[in-house]
Amino acid sequence: MIKRIAAFSAALLLAVCSAGLAQSRSDILWNIVNNCLAADAASRAAACPAQPRPARPLASFQDAAEARRDCRASTEIWDQAPGAFVAFRDIKQCDCLGRQDFVHGLALPFAEVTGVEDPQRPDGLWAFAWSVALQKIGDKQMIGLVVNPESGRTQNQLHVHLVRLRPDYLKRIAANPGAVLRTVPLRDLSRVWPATLPAAGAGGFRDFGVLVTSDGADGYLLRVIDPGTSPEGEYTQWSCKN
């Protein structure tokens, strides 16, 4: 599963880099945030790899291939907390145009933050991500918010995946309980990072993934995931092809 996600990521990187962008492959998301979406991004428009614009109706394209190309060359904004966070369509949506049952977005800070290991991780990102996921997915029981471990990511800008959970994700957790280092009930999503770090530290892990779901009522469950398991690949519908 991790290899399959890596293949999708490699396709994204190749598509963007082939447009002639002089940038590190691990900096694509940061360049979108900084050069396309920041308040002063207009001064760096030439460095923007995917210009923001609304999604176009499928009927406006000659065929599916043209629709995918246009999708990959643009950034569809889902929501913003001005100056703090932004959410936009993940490129995996471009292979699933017209599929109303498939959702994959990303929520990111405007500040440069690398990932789970960065002490500047913003606490407010999780509540923002949940609100956008609820808009797009609707059923809170199906929402999965995921951050992959440092060792399992391709991008060095912190991003929360907004995805549907696999229908069998609880069975998958039960089948491999060792993949979940800690499970922490939460009432407040601003407590995700403060709760994650002691939980991971207690297991002796400096690297880890994060999965946040509903607890079935009015709270949430934080699961700290072993870095050898991709929470995105193992527990979510990260692609419309899986």
Protein backbone atom coordinates (compact mmCIF):
# COMPACT_ATOMS: atom_id res chain seq x y z
CA MET A 1 0.00 0.00 0.00
CA ILE A 2 2.80 2.44 0.88
CA LYS A 3 4.41 1.71 -2.48
CA ARG A 4 1.13 2.51 -4.25
CA ILE A 5 0.91 5.89 -2.50
CA ALA A 6 4.55 6.57 -3.41
CA ALA A 7 3.68 5.86 -7.06
CA PHE A 8 0.85 8.41 -6.97
CA SER A 9 3.14 10.95 -5.32
CA ALA A 10 5.82 10.34 -7.93
CA ALA A 11 3.27 10.95 -10.68
CA LEU A 12 2.30 14.25 -9.07
CA LEU A 13 5.90 15.33 -8.76
CA LEU A 14 6.76 14.39 -12.33
CA ALA A 15 3.74 16.22 -13.70
CA VAL A 16 4.53 19.43 -11.88
CA CYS A 17 8.28 19.37 -12.38
CA SER A 18 7.91 18.67 -16.09
CA ALA A 19 6.31 22.11 -16.40
CA GLY A 20 9.82 23.55 -16.10
CA LEU A 21 9.71 24.52 -12.45
CA ALA A 22 13.10 24.97 -10.81
CA GLN A 23 12.20 23.62 -7.41
CA SER A 24 12.89 20.75 -5.09
CA ARG A 25 10.40 17.92 -5.51
CA SER A 26 9.68 17.97 -1.79
CA ASP A 27 8.76 21.68 -1.97
CA ILE A 28 5.78 21.49 -4.34
CA LEU A 29 3.12 22.05 -1.68
CA TRP A 30 5.12 24.85 -0.08
CA ASN A 31 5.48 26.54 -3.45
CA ILE A 32 1.72 26.33 -4.02
CA VAL A 33 1.02 27.87 -0.62
CA ASN A 34 3.74 30.51 -0.83
CA ASN A 35 3.79 31.39 -4.53
CA CYS A 36 0.14 30.84 -5.48
CA LEU A 37 -1.98 31.48 -2.40
CA ALA A 38 -0.22 33.77 0.09
CA ALA A 39 -1.42 37.35 0.42
CA ASP A 40 1.61 38.64 -1.52
CA ALA A 41 1.70 35.75 -4.02
CA ALA A 42 0.97 38.05 -6.97
CA SER A 43 4.59 39.20 -6.86
CA ARG A 44 5.72 35.59 -7.35
CA ALA A 45 3.15 34.47 -9.92
CA ALA A 46 5.85 33.19 -12.29
CA ALA A 47 6.91 30.66 -9.63
CA CYS A 48 3.36 29.38 -9.04
CA PRO A 49 3.11 25.74 -10.18
CA ALA A 50 -0.70 25.54 -10.19
CA GLN A 51 -2.73 28.73 -10.42
CA PRO A 52 -5.82 28.92 -8.19
CA ARG A 53 -9.13 28.93 -10.02
CA PRO A 54 -12.60 27.45 -9.61
CA ALA A 55 -13.29 23.94 -10.86
CA ARG A 56 -14.68 23.83 -14.40
CA PRO A 57 -17.71 21.69 -15.29
CA LEU A 58 -16.76 18.43 -16.98
CA ALA A 59 -19.05 19.31 -19.88
CA SER A 60 -16.76 22.24 -20.75
CA PHE A 61 -13.92 19.88 -21.77
CA GLN A 62 -13.55 17.94 -24.99
CA ASP A 63 -12.73 14.71 -23.17
CA ALA A 64 -11.61 13.25 -19.83
CA ALA A 65 -7.92 13.63 -20.67
CA GLU A 66 -8.30 17.38 -21.20
CA ALA A 67 -10.23 17.65 -17.92
CA ARG A 68 -7.45 15.84 -16.04
CA ARG A 69 -4.75 18.06 -17.54
CA ASP A 70 -6.63 21.19 -16.55
CA CYS A 71 -7.23 19.83 -13.06
CA ARG A 72 -3.55 19.01 -12.56
CA ALA A 73 -2.50 22.47 -13.75
CA SER A 74 -4.72 24.34 -11.28
CA THR A 75 -5.43 24.66 -7.58
CA GLU A 76 -9.07 24.42 -6.50
CA ILE A 77 -9.47 26.23 -3.18
CA TRP A 78 -11.96 24.66 -0.77
CA ASP A 79 -11.69 27.09 2.14
CA GLN A 80 -9.36 29.53 3.85
CA ALA A 81 -8.72 30.98 7.28
CA PRO A 82 -7.01 34.14 5.99
CA GLY A 83 -3.38 34.35 6.96
CA ALA A 84 -3.51 31.06 8.84
CA PHE A 85 -4.71 28.01 6.87
CA VAL A 86 -5.91 26.95 3.45
CA ALA A 87 -7.59 23.80 2.13
CA PHE A 88 -7.57 22.73 -1.49
CA ARG A 89 -8.18 19.75 -3.73
CA ASP A 90 -5.51 17.05 -3.74
CA ILE A 91 -4.23 16.08 -7.17
CA LYS A 92 -5.65 12.57 -6.67
CA GLN A 93 -9.07 14.11 -7.31
CA CYS A 94 -7.97 14.74 -10.88
CA ASP A 95 -8.15 11.02 -11.65
CA CYS A 96 -11.64 10.84 -10.17
CA LEU A 97 -13.48 13.76 -11.75
CA GLY A 98 -17.23 13.34 -11.56
CA ARG A 99 -17.00 10.88 -8.67
CA GLN A 100 -19.17 12.45 -5.96
CA ASP A 101 -18.34 9.63 -3.56
CA PHE A 102 -14.61 10.38 -3.60
CA VAL A 103 -13.05 13.20 -1.56
CA HIS A 104 -9.37 13.95 -1.10
CA GLY A 105 -8.23 17.38 -0.01
CA LEU A 106 -5.33 18.91 1.89
CA ALA A 107 -5.31 21.45 4.71
CA LEU A 108 -2.09 23.39 5.21
CA PRO A 109 -0.74 26.33 7.19
CA PHE A 110 0.42 29.42 5.34
CA ALA A 111 3.49 29.44 7.59
CA GLU A 112 6.38 27.20 6.56
CA VAL A 113 6.10 24.09 8.75
CA THR A 114 7.74 20.85 7.66
CA GLY A 115 5.65 18.13 9.35
CA VAL A 116 5.09 16.08 12.50
CA GLU A 117 8.62 16.75 13.71
CA ASP A 118 8.40 20.56 13.46
CA PRO A 119 7.93 22.31 16.85
CA GLN A 120 5.99 25.08 15.07
CA ARG A 121 3.05 22.78 14.23
CA PRO A 122 -0.09 24.96 14.56
CA ASP A 123 -2.75 23.64 16.93
CA GLY A 124 -5.61 25.34 15.04
CA LEU A 125 -4.98 23.39 11.84
CA TRP A 126 -6.96 20.36 13.04
CA ALA A 127 -10.22 22.19 13.76
CA PHE A 128 -9.94 24.00 10.43
CA ALA A 129 -9.30 20.71 8.62
CA TRP A 130 -12.26 19.02 10.34
CA SER A 131 -14.65 21.85 9.40
CA VAL A 132 -13.63 21.63 5.73
CA ALA A 133 -13.83 17.83 5.73
CA LEU A 134 -17.32 18.03 7.23
CA GLN A 135 -18.38 20.36 4.40
CA LYS A 136 -17.03 18.01 1.75
CA ILE A 137 -17.79 14.58 3.26
CA GLY A 138 -20.89 15.37 5.29
CA ASP A 139 -20.95 12.30 7.53
CA LYS A 140 -18.60 12.90 10.46
CA GLN A 141 -18.39 9.17 11.10
CA MET A 142 -16.62 8.79 7.75
CA ILE A 143 -14.09 11.61 8.18
CA GLY A 144 -10.43 10.73 8.48
CA LEU A 145 -7.82 13.43 9.09
CA VAL A 146 -4.34 12.10 8.43
CA VAL A 147 -0.77 13.30 8.68
CA ASN A 148 1.80 10.80 7.43
CA PRO A 149 5.08 10.21 9.28
CA GLU A 150 8.22 12.07 8.26
CA SER A 151 9.68 8.85 6.86
CA GLY A 152 6.59 8.19 4.73
CA ARG A 153 5.94 11.57 3.12
CA THR A 154 7.11 13.16 -0.10
CA GLN A 155 6.37 16.80 0.79
CA ASN A 156 8.04 18.94 3.44
CA GLN A 157 5.14 21.28 4.07
CA LEU A 158 2.81 20.08 6.81
CA HIS A 159 -0.47 18.92 5.27
CA VAL A 160 -3.49 17.17 6.71
CA HIS A 161 -5.24 14.79 4.33
CA LEU A 162 -9.03 15.23 4.30
CA VAL A 163 -10.36 11.84 3.27
CA ARG A 164 -13.09 9.28 3.81
CA LEU A 165 -12.30 6.36 6.06
CA ARG A 166 -12.27 2.90 4.55
CA PRO A 167 -15.47 1.05 5.55
CA ASP A 168 -13.27 -1.64 7.13
CA TYR A 169 -10.77 0.66 8.87
CA LEU A 170 -11.71 -0.58 12.34
CA LYS A 171 -11.17 -4.18 11.23
CA ARG A 172 -7.78 -3.16 9.89
CA ILE A 173 -6.87 -1.56 13.20
CA ALA A 174 -8.01 -4.67 15.07
CA ALA A 175 -6.05 -6.95 12.73
CA ASN A 176 -2.79 -5.08 13.37
CA PRO A 177 -3.07 -3.48 16.83
CA GLY A 178 0.67 -2.91 17.02
CA ALA A 179 0.40 -0.23 14.32
CA VAL A 180 -1.46 2.02 16.75
CA LEU A 181 0.98 3.28 19.36
CA ARG A 182 -1.63 5.12 21.42
CA THR A 183 -5.34 5.98 21.23
CA VAL A 184 -6.31 9.23 22.96
CA PRO A 185 -9.91 10.49 23.32
CA LEU A 186 -10.25 14.23 22.76
CA ARG A 187 -12.99 16.79 23.18
CA ASP A 188 -11.01 19.64 21.62
CA LEU A 189 -9.09 19.37 18.35
CA SER A 190 -6.66 22.04 19.50
CA ARG A 191 -5.27 19.32 21.78
CA VAL A 192 -4.16 16.99 18.98
CA TRP A 193 -0.51 18.02 18.90
CA PRO A 194 -0.15 18.37 22.69
CA ALA A 195 -1.64 14.89 23.10
CA THR A 196 0.31 13.33 20.24
CA LEU A 197 3.82 14.10 21.40
CA PRO A 198 3.62 12.47 24.88
CA ALA A 199 1.84 9.48 23.35
CA ALA A 200 4.55 8.97 20.75
CA GLY A 201 7.31 9.66 23.26
CA ALA A 202 5.95 7.06 25.64
CA GLY A 203 6.44 4.48 22.91
CA GLY A 204 9.98 5.65 22.21
CA PHE A 205 9.11 6.98 18.74
CA ARG A 206 10.50 10.20 17.32
CA ASP A 207 8.60 9.67 14.07
CA PHE A 208 4.92 8.79 13.80
CA GLY A 209 1.73 9.23 11.80
CA VAL A 210 -1.54 10.70 13.00
CA LEU A 211 -5.13 9.61 12.40
CA VAL A 212 -8.04 11.65 13.80
CA THR A 213 -11.61 10.37 13.58
CA SER A 214 -14.95 10.91 15.29
CA ASP A 215 -15.49 8.98 18.52
CA GLY A 216 -19.05 8.22 17.40
CA ALA A 217 -20.52 10.95 19.61
CA ASP A 218 -19.45 14.57 20.08
CA GLY A 219 -15.73 14.00 20.51
CA TYR A 220 -12.76 12.64 18.60
CA LEU A 221 -10.24 9.83 18.70
CA LEU A 222 -6.57 10.53 18.10
CA ARG A 223 -4.54 7.52 17.06
CA VAL A 224 -0.75 7.80 16.98
CA ILE A 225 0.47 5.47 14.23
CA ASP A 226 3.73 3.54 14.01
CA PRO A 227 5.94 5.11 11.29
CA GLY A 228 6.08 1.76 9.50
CA THR A 229 2.37 2.07 8.66
CA SER A 230 0.91 4.74 6.39
CA PRO A 231 -2.30 5.95 8.09
CA GLU A 232 -3.41 7.38 4.75
CA GLY A 233 -2.82 4.15 2.85
CA GLU A 234 -4.00 1.71 5.50
CA TYR A 235 -7.15 3.32 6.87
CA THR A 236 -8.56 5.72 4.27
CA GLN A 237 -10.01 5.85 0.79
CA TRP A 238 -7.03 7.84 -0.44
CA SER A 239 -7.61 6.97 -4.11
CA CYS A 240 -10.80 6.31 -6.05
CA LYS A 241 -8.99 3.29 -7.51
CA ASN A 242 -8.51 1.43 -4.22
